[in-house]
C-alpha atoms as a PDB file:
ATOM      1  CA  MET A   1       0.000   0.000   0.000  1.00  0.00           C
ATOM      2  CA  ASN A   2       1.388   3.372  -0.963  1.00  0.00           C
ATOM      3  CA  LYS A   3      -0.526   5.708   1.367  1.00  0.00           C
ATOM      4  CA  LYS A   4      -3.653   5.556   3.511  1.00  0.00           C
ATOM      5  CA  LEU A   5      -6.934   6.399   1.795  1.00  0.00           C
ATOM      6  CA  LYS A   6      -9.248   8.505   3.957  1.00  0.00           C
ATOM      7  CA  ILE A   7     -12.868   7.881   3.032  1.00  0.00           C
ATOM      8  CA  PRO A   8     -15.304  10.493   4.351  1.00  0.00           C
ATOM      9  CA  LYS A   9     -18.852   9.869   5.523  1.00  0.00           C
ATOM     10  CA  PHE A  10     -21.254  10.491   2.659  1.00  0.00           C
ATOM     11  CA  LYS A  11     -24.685  12.082   3.004  1.00  0.00           C
ATOM     12  CA  ASN A  12     -25.963  10.579  -0.232  1.00  0.00           C
ATOM     13  CA  GLU A  13     -24.958   8.562  -3.269  1.00  0.00           C
ATOM     14  CA  ASP A  14     -24.228  11.650  -5.346  1.00  0.00           C
ATOM     15  CA  GLN A  15     -21.577  12.744  -2.853  1.00  0.00           C
ATOM     16  CA  GLU A  16     -20.046   9.278  -2.851  1.00  0.00           C
ATOM     17  CA  ARG A  17     -20.107   9.048  -6.649  1.00  0.00           C
ATOM     18  CA  ASP A  18     -18.395  12.440  -6.891  1.00  0.00           C
ATOM     19  CA  PHE A  19     -15.700  11.399  -4.406  1.00  0.00           C
ATOM     20  CA  TRP A  20     -14.859   8.125  -6.176  1.00  0.00           C
ATOM     21  CA  SER A  21     -14.818   9.766  -9.598  1.00  0.00           C
ATOM     22  CA  LYS A  22     -11.974  12.017  -8.432  1.00  0.00           C
ATOM     23  CA  VAL A  23      -9.868   9.415  -6.592  1.00  0.00           C
ATOM     24  CA  ASN A  24      -6.975   7.749  -8.394  1.00  0.00           C
ATOM     25  CA  LEU A  25      -6.598   4.397  -6.624  1.00  0.00           C
ATOM     26  CA  ASN A  26      -3.144   3.917  -8.160  1.00  0.00           C
ATOM     27  CA  GLU A  27      -1.882   6.437  -5.622  1.00  0.00           C
ATOM     28  CA  TYR A  28      -3.114   4.284  -2.746  1.00  0.00           C
ATOM     29  CA  PHE A  29      -2.794   0.661  -3.818  1.00  0.00           C
ATOM     30  CA  LYS A  30      -0.429  -1.645  -5.692  1.00  0.00           C
ATOM     31  CA  ALA A  31      -1.442  -4.806  -7.509  1.00  0.00           C
ATOM     32  CA  ASP A  32       0.135  -6.889  -4.717  1.00  0.00           C
ATOM     33  CA  ASP A  33      -2.294  -5.384  -2.189  1.00  0.00           C
ATOM     34  CA  PHE A  34      -5.275  -7.260  -3.622  1.00  0.00           C
ATOM     35  CA  GLU A  35      -6.460 -10.796  -2.901  1.00  0.00           C
ATOM     36  CA  SER A  36      -8.650 -13.110  -4.949  1.00  0.00           C
ATOM     37  CA  VAL A  37     -12.219 -13.400  -3.709  1.00  0.00           C
ATOM     38  CA  SER A  38     -15.099 -15.721  -4.422  1.00  0.00           C
ATOM     39  CA  PHE A  39     -18.730 -14.648  -4.517  1.00  0.00           C
ATOM     40  CA  SER A  40     -20.213 -18.070  -3.898  1.00  0.00           C
ATOM     41  CA  ASN A  41     -23.611 -16.785  -2.739  1.00  0.00           C
ATOM     42  CA  LEU A  42     -24.436 -14.980  -5.974  1.00  0.00           C
ATOM     43  CA  LYS A  43     -27.362 -16.335  -7.912  1.00  0.00           C
ATOM     44  CA  PRO A  44     -26.278 -17.996 -11.146  1.00  0.00           C
ATOM     45  CA  SER A  45     -27.035 -16.074 -14.300  1.00  0.00           C
ATOM     46  CA  SER A  46     -27.599 -19.289 -16.187  1.00  0.00           C
ATOM     47  CA  ARG A  47     -30.614 -21.547 -16.317  1.00  0.00           C
ATOM     48  CA  SER A  48     -30.631 -25.186 -15.282  1.00  0.00           C
ATOM     49  CA  ILE A  49     -31.666 -27.764 -17.855  1.00  0.00           C
ATOM     50  CA  SER A  50     -31.884 -31.539 -17.924  1.00  0.00           C
ATOM     51  CA  ILE A  51     -30.277 -33.494 -20.699  1.00  0.00           C
ATOM     52  CA  ARG A  52     -30.041 -37.226 -21.169  1.00  0.00           C
ATOM     53  CA  LEU A  53     -26.697 -38.523 -22.392  1.00  0.00           C
ATOM     54  CA  PRO A  54     -25.573 -42.058 -23.024  1.00  0.00           C
ATOM     55  CA  GLU A  55     -23.429 -43.294 -20.127  1.00  0.00           C
ATOM     56  CA  TYR A  56     -20.322 -43.729 -22.294  1.00  0.00           C
ATOM     57  CA  ILE A  57     -20.460 -40.056 -23.401  1.00  0.00           C
ATOM     58  CA  LEU A  58     -20.786 -38.870 -19.817  1.00  0.00           C
ATOM     59  CA  VAL A  59     -17.856 -41.052 -18.768  1.00  0.00           C
ATOM     60  CA  ARG A  60     -15.686 -39.656 -21.597  1.00  0.00           C
ATOM     61  CA  LEU A  61     -16.692 -36.095 -20.698  1.00  0.00           C
ATOM     62  CA  LYS A  62     -15.737 -36.631 -17.071  1.00  0.00           C
ATOM     63  CA  GLU A  63     -12.413 -38.220 -18.090  1.00  0.00           C
ATOM     64  CA  ARG A  64     -11.570 -35.293 -20.386  1.00  0.00           C
ATOM     65  CA  ALA A  65     -12.670 -32.725 -17.774  1.00  0.00           C
ATOM     66  CA  ASN A  66     -10.530 -34.461 -15.166  1.00  0.00           C
ATOM     67  CA  ALA A  67      -7.502 -34.367 -17.492  1.00  0.00           C
ATOM     68  CA  LEU A  68      -8.106 -30.641 -18.094  1.00  0.00           C
ATOM     69  CA  GLN A  69      -8.801 -30.063 -14.386  1.00  0.00           C
ATOM     70  CA  VAL A  70     -12.164 -28.386 -14.982  1.00  0.00           C
ATOM     71  CA  PRO A  71     -15.654 -29.395 -13.818  1.00  0.00           C
ATOM     72  CA  TYR A  72     -17.336 -31.585 -16.418  1.00  0.00           C
ATOM     73  CA  GLN A  73     -20.420 -29.370 -16.628  1.00  0.00           C
ATOM     74  CA  SER A  74     -18.192 -26.378 -17.408  1.00  0.00           C
ATOM     75  CA  LEU A  75     -16.556 -28.425 -20.150  1.00  0.00           C
ATOM     76  CA  ILE A  76     -19.977 -29.240 -21.624  1.00  0.00           C
ATOM     77  CA  LYS A  77     -20.831 -25.506 -21.634  1.00  0.00           C
ATOM     78  CA  GLN A  78     -17.525 -24.736 -23.370  1.00  0.00           C
ATOM     79  CA  TYR A  79     -18.190 -27.350 -26.051  1.00  0.00           C
ATOM     80  CA  ILE A  80     -21.709 -26.060 -26.686  1.00  0.00           C
ATOM     81  CA  ALA A  81     -20.562 -22.424 -26.835  1.00  0.00           C
ATOM     82  CA  LYS A  82     -17.720 -23.317 -29.170  1.00  0.00           C
ATOM     83  CA  GLU A  83     -20.052 -25.119 -31.542  1.00  0.00           C
ATOM     84  CA  LEU A  84     -22.651 -22.352 -31.501  1.00  0.00           C
ATOM     85  CA  PHE A  85     -20.538 -19.221 -31.586  1.00  0.00           C
ATOM     86  CA  ILE A  86     -17.035 -19.987 -32.832  1.00  0.00           C
ATOM     87  CA  LYS A  87     -17.171 -21.030 -36.442  1.00  0.00           C
END
């Protein structure tokens, strides 16, 4: 951290918005100051569906996902997106 950031008490959102629009955070923080976070309680922006797959396809998907170290459902989404949007 470069120097301490003093954040005032705000009376309303307009005051807060004005304050943050004028602050250059590069003067107060370095990239090393930040930590990764997870927002696990956020609602997913995707919709659940059910799909029936032959057992051998599901086994192959799980094997491939394991080799790539990704969840198999994420791998399925990647394959579908690739086929639909990247041509």
